């Protein structure tokens, strides 16, 4: 892909996927004004600002929740494995024998 001289931004961009879903929200005046002001400051439309902000917040929430659940589960499994390791099973014993034979 060709690059421009400015900060390595792509010269050509792929078209975004078509938008097929609609999202409606009702705002009070204060919400509208503050969101519009933020969008204006970033040079974006109100819709673009709201959708990008909502998507970023959703991704952050999902990542944070998934990390907490996985970290807790994985920590428990790891601690259990360290405190009381399982004996090697037949597959691991065979793999160890095969390794020793091949590396002699």
N, C-alpha and C. Protein backbone atom coordinates (compact mmCIF):
# COMPACT_ATOMS: atom_id res chain seq x y z
N UNK A 1 0.84 -1.17 0.00
CA UNK A 1 0.00 0.00 0.00
C UNK A 1 0.89 1.24 0.00
N UNK A 2 0.60 2.21 -0.83
CA UNK A 2 1.39 3.44 -0.86
C UNK A 2 1.13 4.25 0.39
N UNK A 3 2.16 4.90 0.85
CA UNK A 3 2.06 5.75 2.02
C UNK A 3 2.27 7.21 1.62
N UNK A 4 1.63 8.10 2.33
CA UNK A 4 1.89 9.52 2.09
C UNK A 4 3.13 9.90 2.89
N UNK A 5 3.64 11.08 2.63
CA UNK A 5 4.82 11.56 3.36
C UNK A 5 4.45 11.98 4.77
N UNK A 6 3.17 12.25 5.02
CA UNK A 6 2.75 12.72 6.33
C UNK A 6 2.41 11.55 7.25
N UNK A 7 3.19 11.34 8.24
CA UNK A 7 2.94 10.38 9.31
C UNK A 7 2.52 8.99 8.86
N UNK A 8 2.88 8.57 7.68
CA UNK A 8 2.62 7.21 7.24
C UNK A 8 1.17 6.83 7.08
N UNK A 9 0.28 7.80 6.87
CA UNK A 9 -1.13 7.49 6.68
C UNK A 9 -1.34 6.91 5.29
N UNK A 10 -2.23 5.91 5.17
CA UNK A 10 -2.46 5.31 3.86
C UNK A 10 -3.01 6.34 2.87
N UNK A 11 -2.55 6.25 1.65
CA UNK A 11 -3.02 7.14 0.61
C UNK A 11 -4.42 6.72 0.16
N UNK A 12 -4.67 5.41 0.10
CA UNK A 12 -5.96 4.89 -0.32
C UNK A 12 -6.59 4.16 0.85
N UNK A 13 -7.87 4.36 1.02
CA UNK A 13 -8.58 3.69 2.12
C UNK A 13 -9.69 2.83 1.54
N UNK A 14 -9.92 1.71 2.19
CA UNK A 14 -11.02 0.85 1.78
C UNK A 14 -12.34 1.48 2.21
N UNK A 15 -13.37 1.24 1.44
CA UNK A 15 -14.69 1.76 1.78
C UNK A 15 -15.19 1.04 3.03
N UNK A 16 -15.80 1.76 3.96
CA UNK A 16 -16.34 1.09 5.15
C UNK A 16 -17.50 0.19 4.76
N UNK A 17 -17.77 -0.83 5.56
CA UNK A 17 -18.89 -1.71 5.24
C UNK A 17 -20.20 -0.91 5.27
N UNK A 18 -21.19 -1.34 4.50
CA UNK A 18 -22.45 -0.60 4.46
C UNK A 18 -23.14 -0.63 5.82
N UNK A 19 -23.84 0.43 6.12
CA UNK A 19 -24.55 0.52 7.40
C UNK A 19 -25.97 -0.01 7.19
N UNK A 20 -26.32 -1.03 7.97
CA UNK A 20 -27.62 -1.66 7.79
C UNK A 20 -28.53 -1.54 9.00
N UNK A 21 -28.02 -1.06 10.13
CA UNK A 21 -28.82 -0.97 11.34
C UNK A 21 -29.00 0.49 11.72
N UNK A 22 -30.11 0.75 12.37
CA UNK A 22 -30.44 2.11 12.77
C UNK A 22 -30.46 2.18 14.29
N UNK A 23 -30.01 3.30 14.84
CA UNK A 23 -29.98 3.52 16.28
C UNK A 23 -30.60 4.89 16.56
N UNK A 24 -31.62 4.93 17.39
CA UNK A 24 -32.27 6.19 17.74
C UNK A 24 -32.14 6.42 19.24
N UNK A 25 -31.97 7.66 19.61
CA UNK A 25 -31.89 8.02 21.04
C UNK A 25 -32.53 9.38 21.24
N UNK A 26 -33.17 9.53 22.36
CA UNK A 26 -33.75 10.82 22.71
C UNK A 26 -32.84 11.49 23.74
N UNK A 27 -32.53 12.76 23.50
CA UNK A 27 -31.64 13.52 24.37
C UNK A 27 -32.38 14.71 24.94
N UNK A 28 -31.97 15.11 26.13
CA UNK A 28 -32.48 16.39 26.61
C UNK A 28 -31.57 17.49 26.05
N UNK A 29 -31.92 18.72 26.26
CA UNK A 29 -31.17 19.82 25.66
C UNK A 29 -29.71 19.85 26.14
N UNK A 30 -29.51 19.64 27.42
CA UNK A 30 -28.15 19.67 27.97
C UNK A 30 -27.27 18.59 27.34
N UNK A 31 -27.81 17.37 27.22
CA UNK A 31 -27.06 16.29 26.61
C UNK A 31 -26.72 16.61 25.15
N UNK A 32 -27.68 17.10 24.42
CA UNK A 32 -27.48 17.45 23.01
C UNK A 32 -26.38 18.49 22.86
N UNK A 33 -26.44 19.53 23.68
CA UNK A 33 -25.47 20.61 23.57
C UNK A 33 -24.06 20.16 23.90
N UNK A 34 -23.91 19.39 24.95
CA UNK A 34 -22.56 18.97 25.33
C UNK A 34 -21.97 17.98 24.34
N UNK A 35 -22.81 17.06 23.86
CA UNK A 35 -22.31 16.09 22.88
C UNK A 35 -21.99 16.79 21.56
N UNK A 36 -22.85 17.72 21.16
CA UNK A 36 -22.60 18.46 19.93
C UNK A 36 -21.32 19.27 20.04
N UNK A 37 -21.10 19.88 21.20
CA UNK A 37 -19.89 20.68 21.39
C UNK A 37 -18.64 19.82 21.26
N UNK A 38 -18.67 18.65 21.89
CA UNK A 38 -17.52 17.73 21.80
C UNK A 38 -17.29 17.28 20.36
N UNK A 39 -18.37 16.97 19.65
CA UNK A 39 -18.25 16.56 18.25
C UNK A 39 -17.66 17.68 17.42
N UNK A 40 -18.13 18.91 17.65
CA UNK A 40 -17.61 20.06 16.92
C UNK A 40 -16.12 20.26 17.19
N UNK A 41 -15.71 20.10 18.44
CA UNK A 41 -14.31 20.28 18.79
C UNK A 41 -13.41 19.26 18.08
N UNK A 42 -13.95 18.08 17.79
CA UNK A 42 -13.18 17.07 17.07
C UNK A 42 -13.42 17.11 15.57
N UNK A 43 -14.27 18.03 15.13
CA UNK A 43 -14.53 18.15 13.70
C UNK A 43 -15.30 16.96 13.14
N UNK A 44 -16.18 16.39 13.94
CA UNK A 44 -16.95 15.22 13.52
C UNK A 44 -18.43 15.53 13.62
N UNK A 45 -19.22 14.72 12.93
CA UNK A 45 -20.67 14.89 13.04
C UNK A 45 -21.13 14.35 14.39
N UNK A 46 -22.29 14.78 14.81
CA UNK A 46 -22.86 14.30 16.07
C UNK A 46 -23.01 12.78 16.03
N UNK A 47 -23.55 12.28 14.92
CA UNK A 47 -23.75 10.83 14.78
C UNK A 47 -22.43 10.09 14.87
N UNK A 48 -21.43 10.54 14.12
CA UNK A 48 -20.13 9.88 14.14
C UNK A 48 -19.53 9.90 15.54
N UNK A 49 -19.60 11.05 16.19
CA UNK A 49 -19.05 11.17 17.54
C UNK A 49 -19.74 10.21 18.51
N UNK A 50 -21.06 10.16 18.47
CA UNK A 50 -21.82 9.30 19.39
C UNK A 50 -21.51 7.83 19.11
N UNK A 51 -21.53 7.44 17.84
CA UNK A 51 -21.29 6.03 17.52
C UNK A 51 -19.87 5.60 17.87
N UNK A 52 -18.88 6.42 17.54
CA UNK A 52 -17.49 6.07 17.87
C UNK A 52 -17.28 6.02 19.39
N UNK A 53 -17.88 6.96 20.10
CA UNK A 53 -17.74 6.97 21.57
C UNK A 53 -18.42 5.77 22.19
N UNK A 54 -19.61 5.42 21.70
CA UNK A 54 -20.34 4.27 22.22
C UNK A 54 -19.58 2.98 21.93
N UNK A 55 -19.04 2.86 20.74
CA UNK A 55 -18.28 1.66 20.38
C UNK A 55 -17.04 1.53 21.26
N UNK A 56 -16.32 2.62 21.45
CA UNK A 56 -15.12 2.57 22.30
C UNK A 56 -15.48 2.19 23.73
N UNK A 57 -16.57 2.76 24.24
CA UNK A 57 -17.00 2.43 25.61
C UNK A 57 -17.43 0.97 25.71
N UNK A 58 -18.12 0.47 24.69
CA UNK A 58 -18.56 -0.93 24.69
C UNK A 58 -17.36 -1.88 24.66
N UNK A 59 -16.38 -1.59 23.79
CA UNK A 59 -15.19 -2.44 23.71
C UNK A 59 -14.43 -2.43 25.03
N UNK A 60 -14.32 -1.27 25.64
CA UNK A 60 -13.62 -1.16 26.92
C UNK A 60 -14.34 -1.98 28.00
N UNK A 61 -15.65 -1.88 28.07
CA UNK A 61 -16.44 -2.62 29.06
C UNK A 61 -16.29 -4.12 28.86
N UNK A 62 -16.41 -4.58 27.62
CA UNK A 62 -16.29 -6.01 27.33
C UNK A 62 -14.90 -6.51 27.69
N UNK A 63 -13.87 -5.78 27.31
CA UNK A 63 -12.49 -6.18 27.61
C UNK A 63 -12.26 -6.24 29.12
N UNK A 64 -12.72 -5.22 29.83
CA UNK A 64 -12.51 -5.17 31.28
C UNK A 64 -13.23 -6.32 31.97
N UNK A 65 -14.48 -6.59 31.59
CA UNK A 65 -15.23 -7.68 32.21
C UNK A 65 -14.63 -9.04 31.88
N UNK A 66 -14.24 -9.24 30.63
CA UNK A 66 -13.65 -10.52 30.24
C UNK A 66 -12.34 -10.75 30.97
N UNK A 67 -11.53 -9.71 31.10
CA UNK A 67 -10.25 -9.84 31.78
C UNK A 67 -10.44 -10.21 33.24
N UNK A 68 -11.40 -9.60 33.91
CA UNK A 68 -11.64 -9.91 35.32
C UNK A 68 -12.07 -11.35 35.50
N UNK A 69 -12.96 -11.83 34.66
CA UNK A 69 -13.45 -13.20 34.77
C UNK A 69 -12.33 -14.18 34.45
N UNK A 70 -11.62 -13.97 33.37
CA UNK A 70 -10.55 -14.88 33.00
C UNK A 70 -9.40 -14.84 33.99
N UNK A 71 -9.04 -13.67 34.46
CA UNK A 71 -7.95 -13.57 35.40
C UNK A 71 -8.25 -14.34 36.68
N UNK A 72 -9.45 -14.21 37.19
CA UNK A 72 -9.82 -14.89 38.42
C UNK A 72 -9.80 -16.41 38.21
N UNK A 73 -10.38 -16.87 37.12
CA UNK A 73 -10.44 -18.30 36.83
C UNK A 73 -9.04 -18.86 36.59
N UNK A 74 -8.27 -18.17 35.77
CA UNK A 74 -6.93 -18.64 35.45
C UNK A 74 -6.02 -18.61 36.67
N UNK A 75 -6.17 -17.61 37.51
CA UNK A 75 -5.36 -17.52 38.73
C UNK A 75 -5.63 -18.71 39.64
N UNK A 76 -6.89 -19.07 39.76
CA UNK A 76 -7.26 -20.20 40.61
C UNK A 76 -6.68 -21.50 40.06
N UNK A 77 -6.80 -21.72 38.77
CA UNK A 77 -6.27 -22.93 38.14
C UNK A 77 -4.75 -22.97 38.29
N UNK A 78 -4.10 -21.84 38.06
CA UNK A 78 -2.64 -21.78 38.17
C UNK A 78 -2.19 -22.08 39.60
N UNK A 79 -2.83 -21.46 40.58
CA UNK A 79 -2.46 -21.69 41.98
C UNK A 79 -2.65 -23.15 42.35
N UNK A 80 -3.76 -23.74 41.92
CA UNK A 80 -4.01 -25.14 42.20
C UNK A 80 -2.93 -26.03 41.58
N UNK A 81 -2.54 -25.72 40.34
CA UNK A 81 -1.52 -26.52 39.66
C UNK A 81 -0.17 -26.42 40.35
N UNK A 82 0.16 -25.24 40.87
CA UNK A 82 1.45 -25.05 41.57
C UNK A 82 1.43 -25.75 42.92
N UNK A 83 0.32 -25.61 43.66
CA UNK A 83 0.25 -26.17 45.01
C UNK A 83 0.10 -27.69 45.01
N UNK A 84 -0.57 -28.22 44.02
CA UNK A 84 -0.73 -29.69 43.96
C UNK A 84 -0.69 -30.14 42.51
N UNK A 85 0.53 -30.25 41.96
CA UNK A 85 0.65 -30.61 40.55
C UNK A 85 0.15 -32.04 40.30
N UNK A 86 -0.44 -32.23 39.15
CA UNK A 86 -0.93 -33.56 38.76
C UNK A 86 0.24 -34.43 38.32
N UNK A 87 0.06 -35.73 38.49
CA UNK A 87 1.07 -36.69 38.02
C UNK A 87 0.99 -36.73 36.50
N UNK A 88 2.13 -36.94 35.82
CA UNK A 88 2.07 -37.04 34.36
C UNK A 88 1.24 -38.24 33.94
N UNK A 89 0.42 -38.04 32.92
CA UNK A 89 -0.41 -39.12 32.39
C UNK A 89 0.36 -39.94 31.36
N UNK A 90 -0.30 -40.94 30.80
CA UNK A 90 0.38 -41.82 29.85
C UNK A 90 0.88 -41.10 28.60
N UNK A 91 0.15 -40.13 28.12
CA UNK A 91 0.56 -39.41 26.91
C UNK A 91 1.83 -38.61 27.18
N UNK A 92 1.88 -37.92 28.32
CA UNK A 92 3.07 -37.14 28.66
C UNK A 92 4.27 -38.05 28.90
N UNK A 93 4.05 -39.20 29.56
CA UNK A 93 5.16 -40.14 29.80
C UNK A 93 5.72 -40.65 28.47
N UNK A 94 4.82 -40.99 27.51
CA UNK A 94 5.27 -41.46 26.21
C UNK A 94 6.04 -40.36 25.48
N UNK A 95 5.55 -39.12 25.55
CA UNK A 95 6.23 -38.01 24.89
C UNK A 95 7.62 -37.81 25.49
N UNK A 96 7.76 -37.95 26.80
CA UNK A 96 9.06 -37.80 27.45
C UNK A 96 10.01 -38.91 27.01
N UNK A 97 9.49 -40.17 26.93
CA UNK A 97 10.33 -41.29 26.47
C UNK A 97 10.79 -41.06 25.02
N UNK A 98 9.86 -40.65 24.17
CA UNK A 98 10.19 -40.38 22.76
C UNK A 98 11.23 -39.28 22.66
N UNK A 99 11.10 -38.25 23.45
CA UNK A 99 12.05 -37.12 23.43
C UNK A 99 13.45 -37.60 23.84
N UNK A 100 13.49 -38.38 24.92
CA UNK A 100 14.79 -38.88 25.40
C UNK A 100 15.47 -39.75 24.35
N UNK A 101 14.68 -40.59 23.68
CA UNK A 101 15.25 -41.46 22.65
C UNK A 101 15.78 -40.65 21.47
N UNK A 102 15.09 -39.63 21.06
CA UNK A 102 15.48 -38.83 19.91
C UNK A 102 16.67 -37.92 20.21
N UNK A 103 16.86 -37.55 21.45
CA UNK A 103 17.93 -36.59 21.80
C UNK A 103 19.18 -37.29 22.31
N UNK A 104 19.23 -38.59 22.32
CA UNK A 104 20.45 -39.30 22.78
C UNK A 104 21.52 -39.24 21.77
